[in-house]
Amino acid sequence: MSSGEEHHIPVGIDELLERVRAGLVRVGPQEAYEAAASGALLVDIRYAALRERDGVIPGALVVERNELEWRLDPQGTHRVAEATGHDVRIVVLCNEGYASSLAAASLHRLGLHRATDLTGGFQAWRAAGLPVTEARGGA
């Protein structure tokens, strides 16, 4: 093996997650709630079956993980109306707070430097007694 190849040693998902989270200022449920009340964009990346099973957070933007970068890139042609610039504060949430960390890091690479994620995800939000509504009722 040449010395150049040694720099590309595979990283396991646990180590990758640790590295990614070191670059985020993650928020807990109450802080996420307060951030949303102050204009931050809560982005729910859970898949439909979980939203239907557990409900949704009122006011959260639902963007499936595979569409996230396209929808939130302020320069993208497929962006949502809320993707107004690179300074938007974004709090990504998944079910338990793992995929959301990777998603927030991906948004950082697009220049969305205020993106972060919700520690513990939707489950922590719900456990904290914060607002949840049924997905079927016009989420």
N, C-alpha and C. Protein backbone atom coordinates (compact mmCIF):
# COMPACT_ATOMS: atom_id res chain seq x y z
N MET A 1 0.84 -1.17 0.00
CA MET A 1 0.00 0.00 0.00
C MET A 1 0.89 1.24 0.00
N SER A 2 0.60 2.18 -0.90
CA SER A 2 1.37 3.42 -0.94
C SER A 2 0.92 4.33 0.19
N SER A 3 1.75 5.29 0.54
CA SER A 3 1.41 6.17 1.65
C SER A 3 0.17 7.00 1.35
N GLY A 4 -0.11 7.27 0.08
CA GLY A 4 -1.30 8.03 -0.29
C GLY A 4 -2.58 7.28 0.04
N GLU A 5 -2.58 5.97 -0.06
CA GLU A 5 -3.78 5.18 0.19
C GLU A 5 -4.12 5.11 1.67
N GLU A 6 -3.14 5.31 2.52
CA GLU A 6 -3.39 5.21 3.96
C GLU A 6 -4.34 6.28 4.46
N HIS A 7 -4.47 7.35 3.73
CA HIS A 7 -5.35 8.44 4.15
C HIS A 7 -6.82 8.13 3.87
N HIS A 8 -7.11 7.05 3.18
CA HIS A 8 -8.48 6.72 2.82
C HIS A 8 -8.95 5.46 3.53
N ILE A 9 -8.55 5.31 4.77
CA ILE A 9 -8.98 4.16 5.56
C ILE A 9 -10.48 4.29 5.82
N PRO A 10 -11.23 3.23 5.58
CA PRO A 10 -12.68 3.30 5.80
C PRO A 10 -13.03 3.70 7.23
N VAL A 11 -14.07 4.47 7.36
CA VAL A 11 -14.56 4.93 8.66
C VAL A 11 -15.89 4.24 8.92
N GLY A 12 -16.06 3.66 10.10
CA GLY A 12 -17.34 3.04 10.44
C GLY A 12 -18.38 4.11 10.71
N ILE A 13 -19.64 3.73 10.66
CA ILE A 13 -20.73 4.68 10.83
C ILE A 13 -20.70 5.34 12.21
N ASP A 14 -20.31 4.63 13.25
CA ASP A 14 -20.27 5.23 14.58
C ASP A 14 -19.23 6.35 14.64
N GLU A 15 -18.07 6.10 14.04
CA GLU A 15 -17.03 7.13 14.02
C GLU A 15 -17.45 8.30 13.13
N LEU A 16 -18.06 8.00 12.01
CA LEU A 16 -18.53 9.06 11.12
C LEU A 16 -19.55 9.94 11.83
N LEU A 17 -20.48 9.32 12.53
CA LEU A 17 -21.50 10.05 13.28
C LEU A 17 -20.85 10.96 14.33
N GLU A 18 -19.85 10.42 15.02
CA GLU A 18 -19.14 11.20 16.04
C GLU A 18 -18.46 12.42 15.41
N ARG A 19 -17.81 12.22 14.26
CA ARG A 19 -17.13 13.32 13.57
C ARG A 19 -18.13 14.38 13.10
N VAL A 20 -19.23 13.92 12.53
CA VAL A 20 -20.25 14.82 12.02
C VAL A 20 -20.85 15.65 13.16
N ARG A 21 -21.16 15.00 14.25
CA ARG A 21 -21.79 15.69 15.38
C ARG A 21 -20.84 16.70 16.02
N ALA A 22 -19.54 16.46 15.91
CA ALA A 22 -18.57 17.42 16.46
C ALA A 22 -18.67 18.76 15.73
N GLY A 23 -19.17 18.75 14.51
CA GLY A 23 -19.31 19.97 13.73
C GLY A 23 -20.68 20.62 13.84
N LEU A 24 -21.56 20.07 14.65
CA LEU A 24 -22.92 20.60 14.81
C LEU A 24 -23.13 21.11 16.23
N VAL A 25 -23.96 22.13 16.36
CA VAL A 25 -24.42 22.54 17.68
C VAL A 25 -25.83 21.98 17.80
N ARG A 26 -25.93 20.74 18.27
CA ARG A 26 -27.21 20.03 18.31
C ARG A 26 -28.13 20.63 19.36
N VAL A 27 -29.43 20.51 19.15
CA VAL A 27 -30.40 21.07 20.10
C VAL A 27 -31.31 19.97 20.64
N GLY A 28 -31.76 20.18 21.85
CA GLY A 28 -32.72 19.28 22.46
C GLY A 28 -34.13 19.70 22.09
N PRO A 29 -35.13 18.94 22.52
CA PRO A 29 -36.52 19.22 22.14
C PRO A 29 -37.00 20.62 22.51
N GLN A 30 -36.77 21.05 23.74
CA GLN A 30 -37.26 22.37 24.17
C GLN A 30 -36.58 23.48 23.38
N GLU A 31 -35.28 23.35 23.14
CA GLU A 31 -34.55 24.35 22.36
C GLU A 31 -35.04 24.37 20.92
N ALA A 32 -35.35 23.20 20.37
CA ALA A 32 -35.88 23.13 19.01
C ALA A 32 -37.25 23.81 18.94
N TYR A 33 -38.07 23.58 19.95
CA TYR A 33 -39.40 24.19 20.02
C TYR A 33 -39.27 25.72 20.05
N GLU A 34 -38.37 26.21 20.90
CA GLU A 34 -38.16 27.66 21.01
C GLU A 34 -37.57 28.23 19.72
N ALA A 35 -36.66 27.48 19.08
CA ALA A 35 -36.07 27.94 17.82
C ALA A 35 -37.15 28.07 16.75
N ALA A 36 -38.05 27.09 16.69
CA ALA A 36 -39.14 27.13 15.71
C ALA A 36 -40.05 28.33 15.98
N ALA A 37 -40.32 28.59 17.26
CA ALA A 37 -41.15 29.74 17.63
C ALA A 37 -40.49 31.06 17.22
N SER A 38 -39.16 31.04 17.12
CA SER A 38 -38.41 32.24 16.74
C SER A 38 -38.10 32.28 15.24
N GLY A 39 -38.71 31.38 14.48
CA GLY A 39 -38.55 31.44 13.03
C GLY A 39 -37.67 30.39 12.40
N ALA A 40 -37.06 29.51 13.20
CA ALA A 40 -36.25 28.43 12.61
C ALA A 40 -37.16 27.46 11.87
N LEU A 41 -36.61 26.81 10.89
CA LEU A 41 -37.34 25.85 10.09
C LEU A 41 -37.11 24.45 10.65
N LEU A 42 -38.17 23.83 11.17
CA LEU A 42 -38.08 22.43 11.61
C LEU A 42 -38.34 21.57 10.38
N VAL A 43 -37.45 20.65 10.09
CA VAL A 43 -37.58 19.81 8.91
C VAL A 43 -37.63 18.35 9.32
N ASP A 44 -38.76 17.71 9.08
CA ASP A 44 -39.01 16.32 9.46
C ASP A 44 -38.65 15.43 8.27
N ILE A 45 -37.60 14.62 8.42
CA ILE A 45 -37.16 13.75 7.32
C ILE A 45 -37.60 12.30 7.50
N ARG A 46 -38.48 12.03 8.47
CA ARG A 46 -38.95 10.66 8.68
C ARG A 46 -39.78 10.20 7.48
N TYR A 47 -39.76 8.91 7.22
CA TYR A 47 -40.57 8.42 6.11
C TYR A 47 -42.03 8.32 6.52
N ALA A 48 -42.90 8.25 5.51
CA ALA A 48 -44.34 8.37 5.70
C ALA A 48 -44.90 7.41 6.74
N ALA A 49 -44.44 6.16 6.76
CA ALA A 49 -45.00 5.18 7.70
C ALA A 49 -44.80 5.62 9.15
N LEU A 50 -43.68 6.24 9.45
CA LEU A 50 -43.43 6.72 10.81
C LEU A 50 -44.30 7.93 11.13
N ARG A 51 -44.47 8.81 10.15
CA ARG A 51 -45.33 9.98 10.39
C ARG A 51 -46.77 9.53 10.61
N GLU A 52 -47.21 8.55 9.84
CA GLU A 52 -48.58 8.05 10.00
C GLU A 52 -48.76 7.33 11.33
N ARG A 53 -47.73 6.62 11.76
CA ARG A 53 -47.81 5.87 13.02
C ARG A 53 -47.78 6.80 14.23
N ASP A 54 -46.85 7.77 14.22
CA ASP A 54 -46.57 8.55 15.41
C ASP A 54 -47.09 9.98 15.38
N GLY A 55 -47.45 10.48 14.20
CA GLY A 55 -47.90 11.86 14.09
C GLY A 55 -46.80 12.78 13.60
N VAL A 56 -47.15 14.05 13.53
CA VAL A 56 -46.21 15.06 13.03
C VAL A 56 -46.17 16.24 13.98
N ILE A 57 -45.15 17.06 13.82
CA ILE A 57 -45.01 18.27 14.62
C ILE A 57 -45.69 19.40 13.86
N PRO A 58 -46.65 20.07 14.48
CA PRO A 58 -47.33 21.17 13.79
C PRO A 58 -46.33 22.23 13.33
N GLY A 59 -46.44 22.62 12.07
CA GLY A 59 -45.55 23.64 11.52
C GLY A 59 -44.26 23.11 10.94
N ALA A 60 -43.93 21.84 11.20
CA ALA A 60 -42.70 21.29 10.64
C ALA A 60 -42.86 21.06 9.14
N LEU A 61 -41.80 21.30 8.41
CA LEU A 61 -41.78 21.04 6.98
C LEU A 61 -41.39 19.57 6.78
N VAL A 62 -42.23 18.83 6.10
CA VAL A 62 -41.93 17.42 5.84
C VAL A 62 -41.20 17.31 4.51
N VAL A 63 -39.95 16.85 4.57
CA VAL A 63 -39.14 16.64 3.37
C VAL A 63 -38.46 15.29 3.53
N GLU A 64 -38.82 14.34 2.70
CA GLU A 64 -38.20 13.01 2.82
C GLU A 64 -36.69 13.14 2.61
N ARG A 65 -35.94 12.29 3.30
CA ARG A 65 -34.47 12.40 3.32
C ARG A 65 -33.87 12.46 1.92
N ASN A 66 -34.40 11.67 1.00
CA ASN A 66 -33.79 11.62 -0.33
C ASN A 66 -34.02 12.89 -1.14
N GLU A 67 -34.88 13.79 -0.66
CA GLU A 67 -35.14 15.05 -1.38
C GLU A 67 -34.54 16.25 -0.65
N LEU A 68 -33.96 16.03 0.52
CA LEU A 68 -33.60 17.12 1.42
C LEU A 68 -32.72 18.19 0.77
N GLU A 69 -31.60 17.79 0.19
CA GLU A 69 -30.67 18.77 -0.37
C GLU A 69 -31.31 19.56 -1.51
N TRP A 70 -32.11 18.89 -2.34
CA TRP A 70 -32.76 19.56 -3.46
C TRP A 70 -33.79 20.57 -2.98
N ARG A 71 -34.49 20.26 -1.92
CA ARG A 71 -35.54 21.14 -1.42
C ARG A 71 -35.01 22.32 -0.61
N LEU A 72 -33.87 22.16 0.06
CA LEU A 72 -33.39 23.21 0.94
C LEU A 72 -32.24 24.04 0.37
N ASP A 73 -31.71 23.68 -0.78
CA ASP A 73 -30.66 24.48 -1.41
C ASP A 73 -31.27 25.78 -1.92
N PRO A 74 -30.89 26.93 -1.34
CA PRO A 74 -31.51 28.18 -1.75
C PRO A 74 -31.23 28.53 -3.21
N GLN A 75 -30.23 27.89 -3.81
CA GLN A 75 -29.90 28.16 -5.21
C GLN A 75 -30.51 27.12 -6.14
N GLY A 76 -31.18 26.13 -5.58
CA GLY A 76 -31.69 25.03 -6.38
C GLY A 76 -33.01 25.34 -7.06
N THR A 77 -33.24 24.71 -8.18
CA THR A 77 -34.48 24.94 -8.93
C THR A 77 -35.66 24.18 -8.31
N HIS A 78 -35.39 23.22 -7.44
CA HIS A 78 -36.46 22.43 -6.81
C HIS A 78 -36.67 22.82 -5.35
N ARG A 79 -36.19 23.98 -4.95
CA ARG A 79 -36.25 24.38 -3.54
C ARG A 79 -37.69 24.69 -3.11
N VAL A 80 -37.90 24.53 -1.80
CA VAL A 80 -39.18 24.92 -1.20
C VAL A 80 -39.15 26.43 -0.96
N ALA A 81 -40.31 27.03 -0.80
CA ALA A 81 -40.40 28.48 -0.60
C ALA A 81 -39.62 28.93 0.64
N GLU A 82 -39.53 28.06 1.64
CA GLU A 82 -38.84 28.41 2.90
C GLU A 82 -37.33 28.49 2.74
N ALA A 83 -36.79 27.94 1.66
CA ALA A 83 -35.33 27.94 1.44
C ALA A 83 -34.91 29.29 0.85
N THR A 84 -34.94 30.31 1.71
CA THR A 84 -34.75 31.68 1.24
C THR A 84 -33.30 32.14 1.20
N GLY A 85 -32.41 31.42 1.83
CA GLY A 85 -31.01 31.83 1.83
C GLY A 85 -30.17 30.90 2.69
N HIS A 86 -28.86 31.13 2.67
CA HIS A 86 -27.95 30.26 3.41
C HIS A 86 -27.94 30.54 4.90
N ASP A 87 -28.59 31.63 5.34
CA ASP A 87 -28.60 31.98 6.76
C ASP A 87 -29.82 31.43 7.50
N VAL A 88 -30.69 30.72 6.81
CA VAL A 88 -31.89 30.17 7.47
C VAL A 88 -31.44 29.18 8.55
N ARG A 89 -32.04 29.31 9.73
CA ARG A 89 -31.76 28.34 10.79
C ARG A 89 -32.64 27.12 10.55
N ILE A 90 -32.02 25.97 10.42
CA ILE A 90 -32.73 24.73 10.12
C ILE A 90 -32.44 23.71 11.22
N VAL A 91 -33.51 23.09 11.73
CA VAL A 91 -33.35 22.00 12.69
C VAL A 91 -33.96 20.76 12.04
N VAL A 92 -33.10 19.82 11.67
CA VAL A 92 -33.54 18.58 11.03
C VAL A 92 -33.89 17.57 12.12
N LEU A 93 -34.99 16.84 11.91
CA LEU A 93 -35.31 15.78 12.85
C LEU A 93 -35.68 14.51 12.10
N CYS A 94 -35.23 13.40 12.67
CA CYS A 94 -35.61 12.09 12.16
C CYS A 94 -36.34 11.39 13.30
N ASN A 95 -36.36 10.09 13.33
CA ASN A 95 -37.10 9.40 14.38
C ASN A 95 -36.38 9.46 15.73
N GLU A 96 -35.07 9.16 15.73
CA GLU A 96 -34.35 9.08 17.00
C GLU A 96 -33.07 9.92 17.04
N GLY A 97 -32.79 10.69 15.99
CA GLY A 97 -31.65 11.60 16.03
C GLY A 97 -30.35 11.06 15.48
N TYR A 98 -30.41 10.10 14.59
CA TYR A 98 -29.19 9.59 13.96
C TYR A 98 -29.07 10.06 12.52
N ALA A 99 -30.03 9.72 11.69
CA ALA A 99 -30.01 10.14 10.29
C ALA A 99 -30.01 11.66 10.18
N SER A 100 -30.65 12.33 11.15
CA SER A 100 -30.72 13.79 11.11
C SER A 100 -29.34 14.44 11.25
N SER A 101 -28.44 13.82 11.99
CA SER A 101 -27.09 14.37 12.12
C SER A 101 -26.37 14.34 10.78
N LEU A 102 -26.49 13.22 10.08
CA LEU A 102 -25.86 13.10 8.76
C LEU A 102 -26.50 14.08 7.78
N ALA A 103 -27.82 14.24 7.88
CA ALA A 103 -28.54 15.15 7.00
C ALA A 103 -28.11 16.60 7.25
N ALA A 104 -28.00 16.99 8.51
CA ALA A 104 -27.58 18.35 8.85
C ALA A 104 -26.17 18.62 8.34
N ALA A 105 -25.29 17.64 8.45
CA ALA A 105 -23.92 17.80 7.95
C ALA A 105 -23.93 17.99 6.44
N SER A 106 -24.81 17.29 5.75
CA SER A 106 -24.93 17.43 4.31
C SER A 106 -25.40 18.84 3.95
N LEU A 107 -26.32 19.39 4.74
CA LEU A 107 -26.78 20.76 4.50
C LEU A 107 -25.65 21.77 4.73
N HIS A 108 -24.79 21.49 5.71
CA HIS A 108 -23.62 22.35 5.92
C HIS A 108 -22.76 22.40 4.67
N ARG A 109 -22.61 21.25 4.00
CA ARG A 109 -21.78 21.21 2.78
C ARG A 109 -22.40 22.03 1.66
N LEU A 110 -23.71 22.30 1.74
CA LEU A 110 -24.38 23.16 0.76
C LEU A 110 -24.29 24.64 1.16
N GLY A 111 -23.64 24.91 2.28
CA GLY A 111 -23.50 26.28 2.73
C GLY A 111 -24.56 26.73 3.72
N LEU A 112 -25.42 25.82 4.14
CA LEU A 112 -26.45 26.14 5.12
C LEU A 112 -25.84 25.99 6.52
N HIS A 113 -25.03 26.98 6.89
CA HIS A 113 -24.16 26.88 8.05
C HIS A 113 -24.89 26.89 9.38
N ARG A 114 -26.17 27.25 9.40
CA ARG A 114 -26.94 27.26 10.65
C ARG A 114 -27.77 25.99 10.82
N ALA A 115 -27.61 25.03 9.93
CA ALA A 115 -28.35 23.77 10.05
C ALA A 115 -27.82 22.95 11.21
N THR A 116 -28.74 22.31 11.91
CA THR A 116 -28.37 21.40 12.99
C THR A 116 -29.45 20.32 13.07
N ASP A 117 -29.40 19.52 14.13
CA ASP A 117 -30.44 18.50 14.26
C ASP A 117 -30.90 18.37 15.69
N LEU A 118 -32.01 17.68 15.84
CA LEU A 118 -32.67 17.49 17.13
C LEU A 118 -32.15 16.22 17.79
N THR A 119 -31.50 16.38 18.92
CA THR A 119 -30.99 15.25 19.70
C THR A 119 -32.18 14.37 20.12
N GLY A 120 -32.12 13.10 19.79
CA GLY A 120 -33.19 12.18 20.16
C GLY A 120 -34.37 12.17 19.21
N GLY A 121 -34.36 13.08 18.23
CA GLY A 121 -35.36 13.09 17.17
C GLY A 121 -36.80 13.28 17.64
N PHE A 122 -37.70 12.84 16.79
CA PHE A 122 -39.14 12.97 17.06
C PHE A 122 -39.52 12.32 18.38
N GLN A 123 -38.90 11.18 18.66
CA GLN A 123 -39.25 10.46 19.89
C GLN A 123 -38.95 11.30 21.13
N ALA A 124 -37.84 12.05 21.12
CA ALA A 124 -37.50 12.92 22.24
C ALA A 124 -38.47 14.09 22.32
N TRP A 125 -38.85 14.63 21.16
CA TRP A 125 -39.83 15.73 21.11
C TRP A 125 -41.13 15.29 21.76
N ARG A 126 -41.61 14.13 21.34
CA ARG A 126 -42.88 13.62 21.88
C ARG A 126 -42.77 13.32 23.37
N ALA A 127 -41.65 12.72 23.78
CA ALA A 127 -41.45 12.38 25.19
C ALA A 127 -41.40 13.64 26.06
N ALA A 128 -40.98 14.76 25.47
CA ALA A 128 -40.92 16.02 26.21
C ALA A 128 -42.29 16.67 26.34
N GLY A 129 -43.31 16.06 25.73
CA GLY A 129 -44.66 16.59 25.83
C GLY A 129 -44.93 17.77 24.91
N LEU A 130 -44.10 17.93 23.88
CA LEU A 130 -44.27 19.03 22.93
C LEU A 130 -45.35 18.67 21.91
N PRO A 131 -45.89 19.66 21.21
CA PRO A 131 -47.05 19.42 20.33
C PRO A 131 -46.81 18.40 19.22
N VAL A 132 -47.78 17.50 19.08
CA VAL A 132 -47.79 16.49 18.01
C VAL A 132 -49.24 16.38 17.54
N THR A 133 -49.43 16.27 16.24
CA THR A 133 -50.77 16.05 15.70
C THR A 133 -50.75 14.82 14.81
N GLU A 134 -51.93 14.31 14.53
CA GLU A 134 -52.02 13.14 13.65
C GLU A 134 -51.64 13.51 12.23
N ALA A 135 -50.91 12.62 11.57
CA ALA A 135 -50.48 12.89 10.20
C ALA A 135 -51.65 12.89 9.23
N ARG A 136 -52.65 12.08 9.50
CA ARG A 136 -53.77 11.96 8.57
C ARG A 136 -54.64 13.22 8.51
N GLY A 137 -54.64 14.00 9.58
CA GLY A 137 -55.55 15.14 9.66
C GLY A 137 -55.10 16.38 8.94
N GLY A 138 -54.48 16.24 7.78
CA GLY A 138 -54.06 17.39 7.02
C GLY A 138 -52.69 17.90 7.41
N ALA A 139 -51.79 16.96 7.71
CA ALA A 139 -50.42 17.35 8.03
C ALA A 139 -49.79 17.86 6.78
